[in-house]
């Protein structure tokens, strides 16, 4: 499992908050995480490294954000 991010992402939650506004207006919003490791099977946010980002992603997902991860 890979955890994103390993350090607080100061501006990381802003695009997620913007997407919730767009979803509220009827738009579809997506986010894609790209990772470059072949040994990763699961990708998750790191609650301990950046709880604000993790909470923002959960909230946006609950509101309809489509979340994808690719390698």
N, C-alpha and C. Protein backbone atom coordinates (compact mmCIF):
# COMPACT_ATOMS: atom_id res chain seq x y z
N UNK A 1 0.85 -1.18 0.00
CA UNK A 1 0.00 0.00 0.00
C UNK A 1 0.89 1.24 0.00
N UNK A 2 0.52 2.20 -0.80
CA UNK A 2 1.20 3.49 -0.82
C UNK A 2 0.29 4.52 -0.17
N UNK A 3 0.90 5.43 0.57
CA UNK A 3 0.14 6.49 1.23
C UNK A 3 0.52 7.83 0.62
N UNK A 4 -0.47 8.64 0.34
CA UNK A 4 -0.26 9.97 -0.21
C UNK A 4 -0.79 10.96 0.80
N UNK A 5 -0.12 11.83 1.15
CA UNK A 5 1.20 12.35 0.93
C UNK A 5 2.08 12.00 2.13
N UNK A 6 3.38 12.15 1.99
CA UNK A 6 4.26 11.85 3.12
C UNK A 6 4.57 13.10 3.94
N UNK A 7 4.04 14.23 3.51
CA UNK A 7 4.23 15.52 4.16
C UNK A 7 2.96 16.33 3.97
N UNK A 8 2.64 17.25 4.86
CA UNK A 8 1.43 18.05 4.63
C UNK A 8 1.50 18.80 3.30
N UNK A 9 0.45 18.67 2.52
CA UNK A 9 0.35 19.36 1.23
C UNK A 9 -0.40 20.67 1.48
N UNK A 10 0.36 21.75 1.63
CA UNK A 10 -0.23 23.03 2.03
C UNK A 10 -1.40 23.43 1.14
N UNK A 11 -1.27 23.24 -0.16
CA UNK A 11 -2.34 23.61 -1.08
C UNK A 11 -3.11 22.39 -1.59
N UNK A 12 -2.86 21.22 -1.04
CA UNK A 12 -3.44 20.00 -1.57
C UNK A 12 -4.95 19.89 -1.47
N UNK A 13 -5.54 20.47 -0.44
CA UNK A 13 -6.99 20.33 -0.24
C UNK A 13 -7.79 21.33 -1.07
N UNK A 14 -7.18 22.41 -1.53
CA UNK A 14 -7.92 23.44 -2.26
C UNK A 14 -8.60 22.90 -3.52
N UNK A 15 -7.92 22.15 -4.38
CA UNK A 15 -8.62 21.62 -5.56
C UNK A 15 -9.78 20.69 -5.18
N UNK A 16 -9.65 20.01 -4.06
CA UNK A 16 -10.74 19.14 -3.62
C UNK A 16 -11.95 19.97 -3.19
N UNK A 17 -11.69 21.07 -2.50
CA UNK A 17 -12.78 21.95 -2.08
C UNK A 17 -13.43 22.61 -3.31
N UNK A 18 -12.60 22.98 -4.30
CA UNK A 18 -13.15 23.53 -5.54
C UNK A 18 -14.04 22.52 -6.24
N UNK A 19 -13.63 21.25 -6.22
CA UNK A 19 -14.43 20.23 -6.90
C UNK A 19 -15.77 20.03 -6.22
N UNK A 20 -15.83 20.17 -4.90
CA UNK A 20 -17.12 20.01 -4.22
C UNK A 20 -18.07 21.13 -4.63
N UNK A 21 -17.52 22.33 -4.85
CA UNK A 21 -18.36 23.43 -5.33
C UNK A 21 -18.90 23.15 -6.72
N UNK A 22 -18.05 22.59 -7.58
CA UNK A 22 -18.49 22.24 -8.94
C UNK A 22 -19.54 21.13 -8.91
N UNK A 23 -19.34 20.15 -8.05
CA UNK A 23 -20.32 19.06 -7.93
C UNK A 23 -21.66 19.62 -7.46
N UNK A 24 -21.60 20.56 -6.53
CA UNK A 24 -22.82 21.18 -6.03
C UNK A 24 -23.59 21.94 -7.11
N UNK A 25 -22.87 22.37 -8.16
CA UNK A 25 -23.51 23.08 -9.27
C UNK A 25 -23.93 22.13 -10.39
N UNK A 26 -23.77 20.80 -10.16
CA UNK A 26 -24.22 19.83 -11.14
C UNK A 26 -23.13 19.29 -12.07
N UNK A 27 -21.89 19.71 -11.88
CA UNK A 27 -20.80 19.21 -12.72
C UNK A 27 -20.27 17.89 -12.17
N UNK A 28 -19.64 17.12 -13.03
CA UNK A 28 -18.95 15.91 -12.62
C UNK A 28 -17.49 16.26 -12.39
N UNK A 29 -16.91 15.78 -11.32
CA UNK A 29 -15.51 16.07 -11.01
C UNK A 29 -14.75 14.77 -10.79
N UNK A 30 -13.53 14.74 -11.30
CA UNK A 30 -12.66 13.57 -11.17
C UNK A 30 -11.32 14.01 -10.63
N UNK A 31 -10.63 13.09 -9.96
CA UNK A 31 -9.24 13.29 -9.58
C UNK A 31 -8.50 11.99 -9.88
N UNK A 32 -7.31 12.11 -10.39
CA UNK A 32 -6.49 10.93 -10.71
C UNK A 32 -5.16 11.04 -9.98
N UNK A 33 -4.79 9.98 -9.30
CA UNK A 33 -3.48 9.88 -8.66
C UNK A 33 -2.62 8.96 -9.53
N UNK A 34 -1.43 9.41 -9.85
CA UNK A 34 -0.49 8.63 -10.64
C UNK A 34 0.66 8.20 -9.74
N UNK A 35 0.91 6.91 -9.67
CA UNK A 35 2.05 6.43 -8.89
C UNK A 35 2.93 5.59 -9.79
N UNK A 36 4.23 5.58 -9.49
CA UNK A 36 5.19 4.96 -10.39
C UNK A 36 5.87 3.74 -9.78
N UNK A 37 5.16 3.02 -8.97
CA UNK A 37 5.71 1.81 -8.37
C UNK A 37 4.89 0.62 -8.79
N UNK A 38 5.56 -0.40 -9.27
CA UNK A 38 4.86 -1.62 -9.72
C UNK A 38 4.40 -2.49 -8.55
N UNK A 39 5.00 -2.30 -7.37
CA UNK A 39 4.67 -3.16 -6.23
C UNK A 39 3.49 -2.63 -5.41
N UNK A 40 2.88 -1.55 -5.81
CA UNK A 40 1.75 -0.97 -5.08
C UNK A 40 0.44 -1.56 -5.61
N UNK A 41 -0.39 -2.00 -4.71
CA UNK A 41 -1.70 -2.54 -5.07
C UNK A 41 -2.83 -1.64 -4.57
N UNK A 42 -2.57 -0.87 -3.52
CA UNK A 42 -3.57 0.03 -2.94
C UNK A 42 -2.94 1.39 -2.72
N UNK A 43 -3.72 2.42 -2.92
CA UNK A 43 -3.28 3.79 -2.67
C UNK A 43 -4.29 4.45 -1.75
N UNK A 44 -3.80 5.11 -0.73
CA UNK A 44 -4.67 5.77 0.24
C UNK A 44 -4.04 7.08 0.67
N UNK A 45 -4.85 7.94 1.27
CA UNK A 45 -4.29 9.16 1.84
C UNK A 45 -3.66 8.82 3.19
N UNK A 46 -2.67 9.59 3.56
CA UNK A 46 -2.00 9.40 4.85
C UNK A 46 -2.64 10.31 5.88
N UNK A 47 -3.48 9.74 6.69
CA UNK A 47 -4.19 10.50 7.73
C UNK A 47 -3.21 11.15 8.70
N UNK A 48 -2.13 10.46 9.01
CA UNK A 48 -1.18 11.01 9.98
C UNK A 48 -0.32 12.13 9.38
N UNK A 49 0.02 12.04 8.11
CA UNK A 49 0.87 13.06 7.48
C UNK A 49 0.08 14.32 7.12
N UNK A 50 -1.16 14.15 6.66
CA UNK A 50 -1.96 15.31 6.26
C UNK A 50 -3.45 15.02 6.50
N UNK A 51 -3.89 15.17 7.74
CA UNK A 51 -5.29 14.87 8.05
C UNK A 51 -6.29 15.76 7.30
N UNK A 52 -5.91 17.01 7.03
CA UNK A 52 -6.81 17.92 6.31
C UNK A 52 -7.05 17.42 4.88
N UNK A 53 -5.99 16.99 4.21
CA UNK A 53 -6.13 16.45 2.85
C UNK A 53 -6.98 15.18 2.86
N UNK A 54 -6.71 14.29 3.80
CA UNK A 54 -7.47 13.04 3.89
C UNK A 54 -8.95 13.32 4.12
N UNK A 55 -9.26 14.23 5.02
CA UNK A 55 -10.65 14.58 5.31
C UNK A 55 -11.31 15.23 4.11
N UNK A 56 -10.58 16.12 3.44
CA UNK A 56 -11.13 16.80 2.26
C UNK A 56 -11.43 15.82 1.14
N UNK A 57 -10.54 14.85 0.94
CA UNK A 57 -10.77 13.85 -0.11
C UNK A 57 -12.00 12.99 0.22
N UNK A 58 -12.12 12.58 1.48
CA UNK A 58 -13.29 11.79 1.89
C UNK A 58 -14.59 12.57 1.68
N UNK A 59 -14.58 13.84 2.06
CA UNK A 59 -15.77 14.66 1.92
C UNK A 59 -16.13 14.83 0.44
N UNK A 60 -15.13 15.13 -0.39
CA UNK A 60 -15.39 15.30 -1.83
C UNK A 60 -15.90 14.00 -2.44
N UNK A 61 -15.31 12.87 -2.04
CA UNK A 61 -15.76 11.56 -2.53
C UNK A 61 -17.23 11.32 -2.13
N UNK A 62 -17.56 11.61 -0.90
CA UNK A 62 -18.93 11.41 -0.42
C UNK A 62 -19.93 12.27 -1.19
N UNK A 63 -19.46 13.42 -1.69
CA UNK A 63 -20.33 14.31 -2.46
C UNK A 63 -20.39 13.95 -3.94
N UNK A 64 -19.56 12.99 -4.37
CA UNK A 64 -19.62 12.54 -5.76
C UNK A 64 -18.35 12.63 -6.56
N UNK A 65 -17.23 13.07 -5.97
CA UNK A 65 -15.96 13.11 -6.69
C UNK A 65 -15.58 11.70 -7.12
N UNK A 66 -15.20 11.54 -8.37
CA UNK A 66 -14.71 10.25 -8.89
C UNK A 66 -13.20 10.21 -8.65
N UNK A 67 -12.73 9.17 -7.99
CA UNK A 67 -11.32 9.05 -7.62
C UNK A 67 -10.71 7.85 -8.34
N UNK A 68 -9.57 8.09 -9.01
CA UNK A 68 -8.86 7.04 -9.76
C UNK A 68 -7.40 7.04 -9.37
N UNK A 69 -6.79 5.88 -9.46
CA UNK A 69 -5.34 5.75 -9.26
C UNK A 69 -4.77 4.89 -10.37
N UNK A 70 -3.69 5.35 -10.96
CA UNK A 70 -3.06 4.65 -12.09
C UNK A 70 -1.56 4.51 -11.86
N UNK A 71 -1.00 3.46 -12.44
CA UNK A 71 0.47 3.36 -12.47
C UNK A 71 0.92 3.01 -13.85
